[in-house]
């Protein structure tokens, strides 16, 4: 189904629900992740890496709503999953 279709949205919503459900089962209620808007995801990743932050994504990837995204590993950020987002 095309990305913007209802079926595509339902699949993404179901995936998010499963992932968030796993998080709540494992960790309990709380913050799943924090997203920061950045001008350049690749530069933000490079800066994080230079500062010793463990990366989940080594390069930006396509996220929801046509955003370019990347995640930092929560082991390096006091247990909080961090997402960088860039509008293309």
C-alpha atoms as a PDB file:
ATOM      1  CA  UNK A   1       0.000   0.000   0.000  1.00  0.00           C
ATOM      2  CA  UNK A   2       1.249   3.523  -0.663  1.00  0.00           C
ATOM      3  CA  UNK A   3       2.821   5.242   2.344  1.00  0.00           C
ATOM      4  CA  UNK A   4      -0.041   7.711   2.750  1.00  0.00           C
ATOM      5  CA  UNK A   5      -2.846   5.185   2.460  1.00  0.00           C
ATOM      6  CA  UNK A   6      -5.070   4.198   5.360  1.00  0.00           C
ATOM      7  CA  UNK A   7      -3.707   0.646   5.171  1.00  0.00           C
ATOM      8  CA  UNK A   8      -0.145   1.971   5.375  1.00  0.00           C
ATOM      9  CA  UNK A   9      -1.067   4.138   8.354  1.00  0.00           C
ATOM     10  CA  UNK A  10      -2.783   1.223  10.068  1.00  0.00           C
ATOM     11  CA  UNK A  11       0.307  -0.959   9.631  1.00  0.00           C
ATOM     12  CA  UNK A  12       2.595   1.734  11.017  1.00  0.00           C
ATOM     13  CA  UNK A  13       0.193   2.326  13.918  1.00  0.00           C
ATOM     14  CA  UNK A  14       0.010  -1.401  14.671  1.00  0.00           C
ATOM     15  CA  UNK A  15       3.819  -1.654  14.614  1.00  0.00           C
ATOM     16  CA  UNK A  16       4.146   1.308  16.943  1.00  0.00           C
ATOM     17  CA  UNK A  17       1.533  -0.180  19.275  1.00  0.00           C
ATOM     18  CA  UNK A  18       3.454  -3.479  19.442  1.00  0.00           C
ATOM     19  CA  UNK A  19       6.778  -1.738  20.049  1.00  0.00           C
ATOM     20  CA  UNK A  20       5.325   0.533  22.711  1.00  0.00           C
ATOM     21  CA  UNK A  21       3.512  -2.438  24.271  1.00  0.00           C
ATOM     22  CA  UNK A  22       6.804  -4.322  24.559  1.00  0.00           C
ATOM     23  CA  UNK A  23       8.411  -1.260  26.134  1.00  0.00           C
ATOM     24  CA  UNK A  24       5.638  -0.907  28.733  1.00  0.00           C
ATOM     25  CA  UNK A  25       5.714  -4.623  29.554  1.00  0.00           C
ATOM     26  CA  UNK A  26       9.487  -4.518  30.054  1.00  0.00           C
ATOM     27  CA  UNK A  27       9.999  -1.125  31.689  1.00  0.00           C
ATOM     28  CA  UNK A  28       6.589  -0.047  32.956  1.00  0.00           C
ATOM     29  CA  UNK A  29       4.902   3.220  32.122  1.00  0.00           C
ATOM     30  CA  UNK A  30       7.112   6.150  31.248  1.00  0.00           C
ATOM     31  CA  UNK A  31       8.792   7.947  28.399  1.00  0.00           C
ATOM     32  CA  UNK A  32       9.476   5.746  25.377  1.00  0.00           C
ATOM     33  CA  UNK A  33      11.642   8.253  23.518  1.00  0.00           C
ATOM     34  CA  UNK A  34      12.343  11.933  23.035  1.00  0.00           C
ATOM     35  CA  UNK A  35      12.630  13.408  19.542  1.00  0.00           C
ATOM     36  CA  UNK A  36      14.722  16.462  18.750  1.00  0.00           C
ATOM     37  CA  UNK A  37      14.310  18.496  15.565  1.00  0.00           C
ATOM     38  CA  UNK A  38      17.753  19.114  14.043  1.00  0.00           C
ATOM     39  CA  UNK A  39      18.914  20.897  10.908  1.00  0.00           C
ATOM     40  CA  UNK A  40      21.097  17.983   9.780  1.00  0.00           C
ATOM     41  CA  UNK A  41      20.668  14.447  11.168  1.00  0.00           C
ATOM     42  CA  UNK A  42      23.990  13.241   9.731  1.00  0.00           C
ATOM     43  CA  UNK A  43      25.874  16.058  11.477  1.00  0.00           C
ATOM     44  CA  UNK A  44      24.014  15.439  14.739  1.00  0.00           C
ATOM     45  CA  UNK A  45      24.954  11.730  14.561  1.00  0.00           C
ATOM     46  CA  UNK A  46      28.599  12.580  13.867  1.00  0.00           C
ATOM     47  CA  UNK A  47      28.708  14.952  16.838  1.00  0.00           C
ATOM     48  CA  UNK A  48      27.083  12.356  19.107  1.00  0.00           C
ATOM     49  CA  UNK A  49      29.582   9.700  18.009  1.00  0.00           C
ATOM     50  CA  UNK A  50      32.568  12.004  18.585  1.00  0.00           C
ATOM     51  CA  UNK A  51      31.240  12.588  22.103  1.00  0.00           C
ATOM     52  CA  UNK A  52      31.127   8.859  22.856  1.00  0.00           C
ATOM     53  CA  UNK A  53      27.395   8.267  22.390  1.00  0.00           C
ATOM     54  CA  UNK A  54      26.481   4.810  21.086  1.00  0.00           C
ATOM     55  CA  UNK A  55      24.411   5.043  17.889  1.00  0.00           C
ATOM     56  CA  UNK A  56      21.563   2.785  16.823  1.00  0.00           C
ATOM     57  CA  UNK A  57      21.550   4.310  13.347  1.00  0.00           C
ATOM     58  CA  UNK A  58      24.938   5.127  11.806  1.00  0.00           C
ATOM     59  CA  UNK A  59      23.263   7.106   9.029  1.00  0.00           C
ATOM     60  CA  UNK A  60      19.874   8.822   8.665  1.00  0.00           C
ATOM     61  CA  UNK A  61      16.882   6.819   7.428  1.00  0.00           C
ATOM     62  CA  UNK A  62      13.393   7.644   6.250  1.00  0.00           C
ATOM     63  CA  UNK A  63      10.887   8.035   9.067  1.00  0.00           C
ATOM     64  CA  UNK A  64       7.221   8.898   9.353  1.00  0.00           C
ATOM     65  CA  UNK A  65       5.891  12.028   7.683  1.00  0.00           C
ATOM     66  CA  UNK A  66       8.830  12.120   5.232  1.00  0.00           C
ATOM     67  CA  UNK A  67      11.285  12.939   8.027  1.00  0.00           C
ATOM     68  CA  UNK A  68      14.909  11.901   8.004  1.00  0.00           C
ATOM     69  CA  UNK A  69      15.531  10.227  11.381  1.00  0.00           C
ATOM     70  CA  UNK A  70      18.147   8.425  13.464  1.00  0.00           C
ATOM     71  CA  UNK A  71      18.278   7.059  17.002  1.00  0.00           C
ATOM     72  CA  UNK A  72      20.854   7.114  19.784  1.00  0.00           C
ATOM     73  CA  UNK A  73      21.169   4.038  21.997  1.00  0.00           C
ATOM     74  CA  UNK A  74      19.544   4.434  25.424  1.00  0.00           C
ATOM     75  CA  UNK A  75      22.550   2.760  27.083  1.00  0.00           C
ATOM     76  CA  UNK A  76      24.446   5.961  26.300  1.00  0.00           C
ATOM     77  CA  UNK A  77      21.659   8.385  27.241  1.00  0.00           C
ATOM     78  CA  UNK A  78      20.673   7.398  30.790  1.00  0.00           C
ATOM     79  CA  UNK A  79      18.085   4.877  29.562  1.00  0.00           C
ATOM     80  CA  UNK A  80      16.134   7.236  27.286  1.00  0.00           C
ATOM     81  CA  UNK A  81      15.870   6.512  23.553  1.00  0.00           C
ATOM     82  CA  UNK A  82      16.764   9.706  21.654  1.00  0.00           C
ATOM     83  CA  UNK A  83      15.622  10.417  18.094  1.00  0.00           C
ATOM     84  CA  UNK A  84      16.968  13.085  15.773  1.00  0.00           C
ATOM     85  CA  UNK A  85      14.477  14.319  13.161  1.00  0.00           C
ATOM     86  CA  UNK A  86      15.068  16.458  10.087  1.00  0.00           C
ATOM     87  CA  UNK A  87      12.333  17.677   7.766  1.00  0.00           C
ATOM     88  CA  UNK A  88      13.432  17.199   4.153  1.00  0.00           C
END
